[in-house]
Amino acid sequence: MKVTIEPAARNNGGLTVSISDPSDDIDCEHAVNMVLGALVVWGFSPLNVFEDRDTIKALEVEIKDLRLEIENLSGNRTPKKQKGVK
């Protein structure tokens, strides 16, 4: 897989950044991390890029929990034990 960020207008003389992994068989988190790394190389502040990643991860957990609640309330599936919950 290859992630490339380049200027929209070639005459801007901007930097083109490419990050690649020899395999196309990567998971979503690895792909997102490749994009985030490319953004840092492109010139975005690492503090902003990775702070946003923490926000995204927190939202993913909240969305997963809400989906489970909705499924349980609608009776579409039997509740599963969550990891770490006895």
PDB file of N, CA and C in Angstrom:
ATOM      1  N   MET A   1       0.851  -1.163   0.000  1.00  0.00           N
ATOM      2  CA  MET A   1       0.000   0.000   0.000  1.00  0.00           C
ATOM      3  C   MET A   1       0.897   1.226   0.000  1.00  0.00           C
ATOM      4  N   LYS A   2       0.457   2.251  -0.694  1.00  0.00           N
ATOM      5  CA  LYS A   2       1.209   3.491  -0.777  1.00  0.00           C
ATOM      6  C   LYS A   2       0.277   4.671  -0.548  1.00  0.00           C
ATOM      7  N   VAL A   3       0.689   5.577   0.324  1.00  0.00           N
ATOM      8  CA  VAL A   3      -0.057   6.800   0.601  1.00  0.00           C
ATOM      9  C   VAL A   3       0.774   7.964   0.069  1.00  0.00           C
ATOM     10  N   THR A   4       0.163   8.803  -0.760  1.00  0.00           N
ATOM     11  CA  THR A   4       0.876   9.953  -1.327  1.00  0.00           C
ATOM     12  C   THR A   4       0.067  11.207  -1.095  1.00  0.00           C
ATOM     13  N   ILE A   5       0.761  12.244  -0.627  1.00  0.00           N
ATOM     14  CA  ILE A   5       0.153  13.569  -0.490  1.00  0.00           C
ATOM     15  C   ILE A   5       0.971  14.503  -1.368  1.00  0.00           C
ATOM     16  N   GLU A   6       0.280  15.207  -2.267  1.00  0.00           N
ATOM     17  CA  GLU A   6       0.974  16.118  -3.166  1.00  0.00           C
ATOM     18  C   GLU A   6       0.159  17.381  -3.347  1.00  0.00           C
ATOM     19  N   PRO A   7       0.808  18.461  -3.760  1.00  0.00           N
ATOM     20  CA  PRO A   7       0.072  19.716  -3.955  1.00  0.00           C
ATOM     21  C   PRO A   7      -0.976  19.560  -5.060  1.00  0.00           C
ATOM     22  N   ALA A   8      -2.079  20.264  -4.894  1.00  0.00           N
ATOM     23  CA  ALA A   8      -3.140  20.215  -5.905  1.00  0.00           C
ATOM     24  C   ALA A   8      -2.681  20.868  -7.204  1.00  0.00           C
ATOM     25  N   ALA A   9      -1.904  21.929  -7.091  1.00  0.00           N
ATOM     26  CA  ALA A   9      -1.396  22.634  -8.271  1.00  0.00           C
ATOM     27  C   ALA A   9       0.107  22.379  -8.382  1.00  0.00           C
ATOM     28  N   ARG A  10       0.522  21.783  -9.457  1.00  0.00           N
ATOM     29  CA  ARG A  10       1.929  21.433  -9.651  1.00  0.00           C
ATOM     30  C   ARG A  10       2.849  22.660  -9.623  1.00  0.00           C
ATOM     31  N   ASN A  11       2.333  23.822 -10.003  1.00  0.00           N
ATOM     32  CA  ASN A  11       3.183  25.009 -10.081  1.00  0.00           C
ATOM     33  C   ASN A  11       3.437  25.639  -8.714  1.00  0.00           C
ATOM     34  N   ASN A  12       2.874  25.076  -7.648  1.00  0.00           N
ATOM     35  CA  ASN A  12       3.141  25.583  -6.299  1.00  0.00           C
ATOM     36  C   ASN A  12       4.533  25.199  -5.813  1.00  0.00           C
ATOM     37  N   GLY A  13       5.138  24.232  -6.448  1.00  0.00           N
ATOM     38  CA  GLY A  13       6.464  23.795  -6.036  1.00  0.00           C
ATOM     39  C   GLY A  13       6.474  23.108  -4.689  1.00  0.00           C
ATOM     40  N   GLY A  14       5.316  22.644  -4.245  1.00  0.00           N
ATOM     41  CA  GLY A  14       5.208  22.016  -2.932  1.00  0.00           C
ATOM     42  C   GLY A  14       5.808  20.621  -2.891  1.00  0.00           C
ATOM     43  N   LEU A  15       5.938  20.151  -1.695  1.00  0.00           N
ATOM     44  CA  LEU A  15       6.512  18.847  -1.407  1.00  0.00           C
ATOM     45  C   LEU A  15       5.517  17.731  -1.709  1.00  0.00           C
ATOM     46  N   THR A  16       6.001  16.659  -2.299  1.00  0.00           N
ATOM     47  CA  THR A  16       5.205  15.445  -2.450  1.00  0.00           C
ATOM     48  C   THR A  16       5.746  14.421  -1.465  1.00  0.00           C
ATOM     49  N   VAL A  17       4.844  13.851  -0.678  1.00  0.00           N
ATOM     50  CA  VAL A  17       5.226  12.882   0.347  1.00  0.00           C
ATOM     51  C   VAL A  17       4.589  11.540   0.018  1.00  0.00           C
ATOM     52  N   SER A  18       5.389  10.485   0.028  1.00  0.00           N
ATOM     53  CA  SER A  18       4.879   9.131  -0.169  1.00  0.00           C
ATOM     54  C   SER A  18       5.393   8.236   0.940  1.00  0.00           C
ATOM     55  N   ILE A  19       4.501   7.479   1.527  1.00  0.00           N
ATOM     56  CA  ILE A  19       4.857   6.479   2.521  1.00  0.00           C
ATOM     57  C   ILE A  19       4.281   5.166   2.021  1.00  0.00           C
ATOM     58  N   SER A  20       5.111   4.126   2.018  1.00  0.00           N
ATOM     59  CA  SER A  20       4.614   2.849   1.494  1.00  0.00           C
ATOM     60  C   SER A  20       4.951   1.709   2.440  1.00  0.00           C
ATOM     61  N   ASP A  21       4.153   0.669   2.317  1.00  0.00           N
ATOM     62  CA  ASP A  21       4.361  -0.574   3.038  1.00  0.00           C
ATOM     63  C   ASP A  21       4.471  -1.644   1.957  1.00  0.00           C
ATOM     64  N   PRO A  22       5.405  -2.573   2.085  1.00  0.00           N
ATOM     65  CA  PRO A  22       5.565  -3.568   1.023  1.00  0.00           C
ATOM     66  C   PRO A  22       4.341  -4.464   0.823  1.00  0.00           C
ATOM     67  N   SER A  23       3.458  -4.494   1.806  1.00  0.00           N
ATOM     68  CA  SER A  23       2.281  -5.357   1.715  1.00  0.00           C
ATOM     69  C   SER A  23       1.022  -4.525   1.469  1.00  0.00           C
ATOM     70  N   ASP A  24       0.101  -5.076   0.725  1.00  0.00           N
ATOM     71  CA  ASP A  24      -1.225  -4.465   0.574  1.00  0.00           C
ATOM     72  C   ASP A  24      -2.190  -5.025   1.605  1.00  0.00           C
ATOM     73  N   ASP A  25      -1.754  -6.014   2.348  1.00  0.00           N
ATOM     74  CA  ASP A  25      -2.595  -6.673   3.332  1.00  0.00           C
ATOM     75  C   ASP A  25      -2.325  -6.082   4.719  1.00  0.00           C
ATOM     76  N   ILE A  26      -2.769  -4.844   4.923  1.00  0.00           N
ATOM     77  CA  ILE A  26      -2.566  -4.183   6.211  1.00  0.00           C
ATOM     78  C   ILE A  26      -3.921  -3.860   6.818  1.00  0.00           C
ATOM     79  N   ASP A  27      -3.937  -3.674   8.137  1.00  0.00           N
ATOM     80  CA  ASP A  27      -5.204  -3.351   8.771  1.00  0.00           C
ATOM     81  C   ASP A  27      -5.456  -1.842   8.714  1.00  0.00           C
ATOM     82  N   CYS A  28      -6.656  -1.470   9.071  1.00  0.00           N
ATOM     83  CA  CYS A  28      -7.086  -0.074   8.969  1.00  0.00           C
ATOM     84  C   CYS A  28      -6.231   0.838   9.844  1.00  0.00           C
ATOM     85  N   GLU A  29      -5.913   0.391  11.052  1.00  0.00           N
ATOM     86  CA  GLU A  29      -5.130   1.242  11.952  1.00  0.00           C
ATOM     87  C   GLU A  29      -3.747   1.532  11.368  1.00  0.00           C
ATOM     88  N   HIS A  30      -3.129   0.529  10.748  1.00  0.00           N
ATOM     89  CA  HIS A  30      -1.821   0.745  10.129  1.00  0.00           C
ATOM     90  C   HIS A  30      -1.943   1.758   8.983  1.00  0.00           C
ATOM     91  N   ALA A  31      -2.997   1.651   8.193  1.00  0.00           N
ATOM     92  CA  ALA A  31      -3.209   2.584   7.081  1.00  0.00           C
ATOM     93  C   ALA A  31      -3.396   4.011   7.601  1.00  0.00           C
ATOM     94  N   VAL A  32      -4.176   4.158   8.669  1.00  0.00           N
ATOM     95  CA  VAL A  32      -4.392   5.487   9.253  1.00  0.00           C
ATOM     96  C   VAL A  32      -3.073   6.046   9.770  1.00  0.00           C
ATOM     97  N   ASN A  33      -2.271   5.213  10.409  1.00  0.00           N
ATOM     98  CA  ASN A  33      -0.974   5.671  10.913  1.00  0.00           C
ATOM     99  C   ASN A  33      -0.044   6.100   9.780  1.00  0.00           C
ATOM    100  N   MET A  34      -0.140   5.440   8.635  1.00  0.00           N
ATOM    101  CA  MET A  34       0.643   5.859   7.470  1.00  0.00           C
ATOM    102  C   MET A  34       0.219   7.260   7.019  1.00  0.00           C
ATOM    103  N   VAL A  35      -1.083   7.487   6.976  1.00  0.00           N
ATOM    104  CA  VAL A  35      -1.593   8.810   6.575  1.00  0.00           C
ATOM    105  C   VAL A  35      -1.148   9.870   7.574  1.00  0.00           C
ATOM    106  N   LEU A  36      -1.263   9.570   8.869  1.00  0.00           N
ATOM    107  CA  LEU A  36      -0.857  10.538   9.886  1.00  0.00           C
ATOM    108  C   LEU A  36       0.629  10.855   9.774  1.00  0.00           C
ATOM    109  N   GLY A  37       1.450   9.839   9.539  1.00  0.00           N
ATOM    110  CA  GLY A  37       2.884  10.073   9.355  1.00  0.00           C
ATOM    111  C   GLY A  37       3.152  10.956   8.146  1.00  0.00           C
ATOM    112  N   ALA A  38       2.423  10.720   7.063  1.00  0.00           N
ATOM    113  CA  ALA A  38       2.589  11.543   5.863  1.00  0.00           C
ATOM    114  C   ALA A  38       2.191  12.992   6.137  1.00  0.00           C
ATOM    115  N   LEU A  39       1.152  13.196   6.930  1.00  0.00           N
ATOM    116  CA  LEU A  39       0.737  14.563   7.270  1.00  0.00           C
ATOM    117  C   LEU A  39       1.823  15.295   8.057  1.00  0.00           C
ATOM    118  N   VAL A  40       2.485  14.582   8.961  1.00  0.00           N
ATOM    119  CA  VAL A  40       3.570  15.208   9.734  1.00  0.00           C
ATOM    120  C   VAL A  40       4.723  15.585   8.804  1.00  0.00           C
ATOM    121  N   VAL A  41       5.101  14.674   7.913  1.00  0.00           N
ATOM    122  CA  VAL A  41       6.182  14.972   6.973  1.00  0.00           C
ATOM    123  C   VAL A  41       5.787  16.132   6.062  1.00  0.00           C
ATOM    124  N   TRP A  42       4.530  16.206   5.686  1.00  0.00           N
ATOM    125  CA  TRP A  42       4.017  17.276   4.821  1.00  0.00           C
ATOM    126  C   TRP A  42       4.167  18.634   5.494  1.00  0.00           C
ATOM    127  N   GLY A  43       4.095  18.649   6.843  1.00  0.00           N
ATOM    128  CA  GLY A  43       4.301  19.907   7.545  1.00  0.00           C
ATOM    129  C   GLY A  43       3.324  20.205   8.665  1.00  0.00           C
ATOM    130  N   PHE A  44       2.347  19.324   8.867  1.00  0.00           N
ATOM    131  CA  PHE A  44       1.416  19.526   9.979  1.00  0.00           C
ATOM    132  C   PHE A  44       2.123  19.241  11.295  1.00  0.00           C
ATOM    133  N   SER A  45       1.728  19.943  12.336  1.00  0.00           N
ATOM    134  CA  SER A  45       2.323  19.762  13.650  1.00  0.00           C
ATOM    135  C   SER A  45       2.020  18.363  14.184  1.00  0.00           C
ATOM    136  N   PRO A  46       3.060  17.635  14.623  1.00  0.00           N
ATOM    137  CA  PRO A  46       2.813  16.305  15.210  1.00  0.00           C
ATOM    138  C   PRO A  46       1.869  16.367  16.408  1.00  0.00           C
ATOM    139  N   LEU A  47       1.934  17.455  17.166  1.00  0.00           N
ATOM    140  CA  LEU A  47       1.040  17.584  18.317  1.00  0.00           C
ATOM    141  C   LEU A  47      -0.412  17.605  17.876  1.00  0.00           C
ATOM    142  N   ASN A  48      -0.707  18.335  16.807  1.00  0.00           N
ATOM    143  CA  ASN A  48      -2.083  18.392  16.301  1.00  0.00           C
ATOM    144  C   ASN A  48      -2.494  17.071  15.667  1.00  0.00           C
ATOM    145  N   VAL A  49      -1.621  16.490  14.880  1.00  0.00           N
ATOM    146  CA  VAL A  49      -1.958  15.252  14.168  1.00  0.00           C
ATOM    147  C   VAL A  49      -2.253  14.130  15.151  1.00  0.00           C
ATOM    148  N   PHE A  50      -1.388  13.938  16.126  1.00  0.00           N
ATOM    149  CA  PHE A  50      -1.569  12.803  17.020  1.00  0.00           C
ATOM    150  C   PHE A  50      -2.562  13.084  18.122  1.00  0.00           C
ATOM    151  N   GLU A  51      -2.770  14.343  18.466  1.00  0.00           N
ATOM    152  CA  GLU A  51      -3.845  14.684  19.395  1.00  0.00           C
ATOM    153  C   GLU A  51      -5.184  14.334  18.755  1.00  0.00           C
ATOM    154  N   ASP A  52      -5.311  14.647  17.475  1.00  0.00           N
ATOM    155  CA  ASP A  52      -6.535  14.297  16.752  1.00  0.00           C
ATOM    156  C   ASP A  52      -6.714  12.786  16.694  1.00  0.00           C
ATOM    157  N   ARG A  53      -5.631  12.023  16.583  1.00  0.00           N
ATOM    158  CA  ARG A  53      -5.720  10.560  16.538  1.00  0.00           C
ATOM    159  C   ARG A  53      -6.281  10.024  17.855  1.00  0.00           C
ATOM    160  N   ASP A  54      -5.841  10.619  18.969  1.00  0.00           N
ATOM    161  CA  ASP A  54      -6.393  10.207  20.262  1.00  0.00           C
ATOM    162  C   ASP A  54      -7.886  10.486  20.327  1.00  0.00           C
ATOM    163  N   THR A  55      -8.305  11.615  19.759  1.00  0.00           N
ATOM    164  CA  THR A  55      -9.725  11.963  19.720  1.00  0.00           C
ATOM    165  C   THR A  55     -10.494  10.951  18.881  1.00  0.00           C
ATOM    166  N   ILE A  56      -9.924  10.580  17.749  1.00  0.00           N
ATOM    167  CA  ILE A  56     -10.575   9.604  16.865  1.00  0.00           C
ATOM    168  C   ILE A  56     -10.735   8.263  17.575  1.00  0.00           C
ATOM    169  N   LYS A  57      -9.675   7.820  18.267  1.00  0.00           N
ATOM    170  CA  LYS A  57      -9.748   6.537  18.980  1.00  0.00           C
ATOM    171  C   LYS A  57     -10.829   6.574  20.061  1.00  0.00           C
ATOM    172  N   ALA A  58     -10.915   7.689  20.787  1.00  0.00           N
ATOM    173  CA  ALA A  58     -11.938   7.808  21.836  1.00  0.00           C
ATOM    174  C   ALA A  58     -13.336   7.751  21.224  1.00  0.00           C
ATOM    175  N   LEU A  59     -13.525   8.417  20.095  1.00  0.00           N
ATOM    176  CA  LEU A  59     -14.830   8.399  19.426  1.00  0.00           C
ATOM    177  C   LEU A  59     -15.178   7.001  18.914  1.00  0.00           C
ATOM    178  N   GLU A  60     -14.190   6.274  18.417  1.00  0.00           N
ATOM    179  CA  GLU A  60     -14.432   4.917  17.938  1.00  0.00           C
ATOM    180  C   GLU A  60     -14.956   4.033  19.068  1.00  0.00           C
ATOM    181  N   VAL A  61     -14.379   4.171  20.255  1.00  0.00           N
ATOM    182  CA  VAL A  61     -14.825   3.386  21.407  1.00  0.00           C
ATOM    183  C   VAL A  61     -16.257   3.764  21.772  1.00  0.00           C
ATOM    184  N   GLU A  62     -16.551   5.068  21.801  1.00  0.00           N
ATOM    185  CA  GLU A  62     -17.904   5.519  22.132  1.00  0.00           C
ATOM    186  C   GLU A  62     -18.919   5.002  21.120  1.00  0.00           C
ATOM    187  N   ILE A  63     -18.585   5.049  19.845  1.00  0.00           N
ATOM    188  CA  ILE A  63     -19.487   4.575  18.791  1.00  0.00           C
ATOM    189  C   ILE A  63     -19.736   3.073  18.947  1.00  0.00           C
ATOM    190  N   LYS A  64     -18.687   2.315  19.224  1.00  0.00           N
ATOM    191  CA  LYS A  64     -18.831   0.869  19.413  1.00  0.00           C
ATOM    192  C   LYS A  64     -19.758   0.581  20.594  1.00  0.00           C
ATOM    193  N   ASP A  65     -19.561   1.297  21.703  1.00  0.00           N
ATOM    194  CA  ASP A  65     -20.408   1.102  22.875  1.00  0.00           C
ATOM    195  C   ASP A  65     -21.861   1.452  22.579  1.00  0.00           C
ATOM    196  N   LEU A  66     -22.086   2.540  21.848  1.00  0.00           N
ATOM    197  CA  LEU A  66     -23.454   2.938  21.499  1.00  0.00           C
ATOM    198  C   LEU A  66     -24.119   1.898  20.593  1.00  0.00           C
ATOM    199  N   ARG A  67     -23.362   1.357  19.644  1.00  0.00           N
ATOM    200  CA  ARG A  67     -23.918   0.318  18.763  1.00  0.00           C
ATOM    201  C   ARG A  67     -24.341  -0.904  19.572  1.00  0.00           C
ATOM    202  N   LEU A  68     -23.500  -1.293  20.536  1.00  0.00           N
ATOM    203  CA  LEU A  68     -23.840  -2.439  21.383  1.00  0.00           C
ATOM    204  C   LEU A  68     -25.107  -2.166  22.189  1.00  0.00           C
ATOM    205  N   GLU A  69     -25.209  -0.966  22.730  1.00  0.00           N
ATOM    206  CA  GLU A  69     -26.410  -0.605  23.502  1.00  0.00           C
ATOM    207  C   GLU A  69     -27.652  -0.658  22.629  1.00  0.00           C
ATOM    208  N   ILE A  70     -27.564  -0.115  21.435  1.00  0.00           N
ATOM    209  CA  ILE A  70     -28.710  -0.099  20.521  1.00  0.00           C
ATOM    210  C   ILE A  70     -29.112  -1.529  20.150  1.00  0.00           C
ATOM    211  N   GLU A  71     -28.117  -2.363  19.850  1.00  0.00           N
ATOM    212  CA  GLU A  71     -28.416  -3.757  19.504  1.00  0.00           C
ATOM    213  C   GLU A  71     -29.065  -4.485  20.675  1.00  0.00           C
ATOM    214  N   ASN A  72     -28.563  -4.241  21.873  1.00  0.00           N
ATOM    215  CA  ASN A  72     -29.121  -4.898  23.055  1.00  0.00           C
ATOM    216  C   ASN A  72     -30.536  -4.418  23.342  1.00  0.00           C
ATOM    217  N   LEU A  73     -30.794  -3.131  23.188  1.00  0.00           N
ATOM    218  CA  LEU A  73     -32.128  -2.582  23.442  1.00  0.00           C
ATOM    219  C   LEU A  73     -33.139  -3.047  22.405  1.00  0.00           C
ATOM    220  N   SER A  74     -32.682  -3.214  21.173  1.00  0.00           N
ATOM    221  CA  SER A  74     -33.606  -3.620  20.119  1.00  0.00           C
ATOM    222  C   SER A  74     -33.846  -5.123  20.121  1.00  0.00           C
ATOM    223  N   GLY A  75     -33.067  -5.854  20.920  1.00  0.00           N
ATOM    224  CA  GLY A  75     -33.261  -7.303  21.006  1.00  0.00           C
ATOM    225  C   GLY A  75     -32.740  -8.052  19.806  1.00  0.00           C
ATOM    226  N   ASN A  76     -31.924  -7.405  18.993  1.00  0.00           N
ATOM    227  CA  ASN A  76     -31.399  -8.053  17.800  1.00  0.00           C
ATOM    228  C   ASN A  76     -30.289  -9.045  18.081  1.00  0.00           C
ATOM    229  N   ARG A  77     -29.751  -8.983  19.305  1.00  0.00           N
ATOM    230  CA  ARG A  77     -28.701  -9.926  19.625  1.00  0.00           C
ATOM    231  C   ARG A  77     -28.572 -10.031  21.132  1.00  0.00           C
ATOM    232  N   THR A  78     -28.052 -11.140  21.561  1.00  0.00           N
ATOM    233  CA  THR A  78     -27.866 -11.320  22.989  1.00  0.00           C
ATOM    234  C   THR A  78     -26.628 -10.558  23.431  1.00  0.00           C
ATOM    235  N   PRO A  79     -26.699  -9.944  24.617  1.00  0.00           N
ATOM    236  CA  PRO A  79     -25.554  -9.161  25.094  1.00  0.00           C
ATOM    237  C   PRO A  79     -24.319 -10.027  25.257  1.00  0.00           C
ATOM    238  N   LYS A  80     -23.179  -9.488  24.849  1.00  0.00           N
ATOM    239  CA  LYS A  80     -21.912 -10.176  25.015  1.00  0.00           C
ATOM    240  C   LYS A  80     -21.179  -9.558  26.186  1.00  0.00           C
ATOM    241  N   LYS A  81     -20.389 -10.377  26.844  1.00  0.00           N
ATOM    242  CA  LYS A  81     -19.560  -9.848  27.915  1.00  0.00           C
ATOM    243  C   LYS A  81     -18.490  -8.960  27.297  1.00  0.00           C
ATOM    244  N   GLN A  82     -18.248  -7.824  27.924  1.00  0.00           N
ATOM    245  CA  GLN A  82     -17.177  -6.966  27.492  1.00  0.00           C
ATOM    246  C   GLN A  82     -15.893  -7.412  28.165  1.00  0.00           C
ATOM    247  N   LYS A  83     -14.776  -7.217  27.506  1.00  0.00           N
ATOM    248  CA  LYS A  83     -13.494  -7.604  28.074  1.00  0.00           C
ATOM    249  C   LYS A  83     -13.301  -6.887  29.410  1.00  0.00           C
ATOM    250  N   GLY A  84     -12.835  -7.626  30.369  1.00  0.00           N
ATOM    251  CA  GLY A  84     -12.542  -7.044  31.670  1.00  0.00           C
ATOM    252  C   GLY A  84     -13.741  -6.888  32.574  1.00  0.00           C
ATOM    253  N   VAL A  85     -14.928  -7.267  32.090  1.00  0.00           N
ATOM    254  CA  VAL A  85     -16.138  -7.160  32.895  1.00  0.00           C
ATOM    255  C   VAL A  85     -16.559  -8.553  33.318  1.00  0.00           C
ATOM    256  N   LYS A  86     -16.747  -8.746  34.630  1.00  0.00           N
ATOM    257  CA  LYS A  86     -17.138 -10.071  35.130  1.00  0.00           C
ATOM    258  C   LYS A  86     -18.625 -10.128  35.399  1.00  0.00           C
TER     259      LYS A  86
END
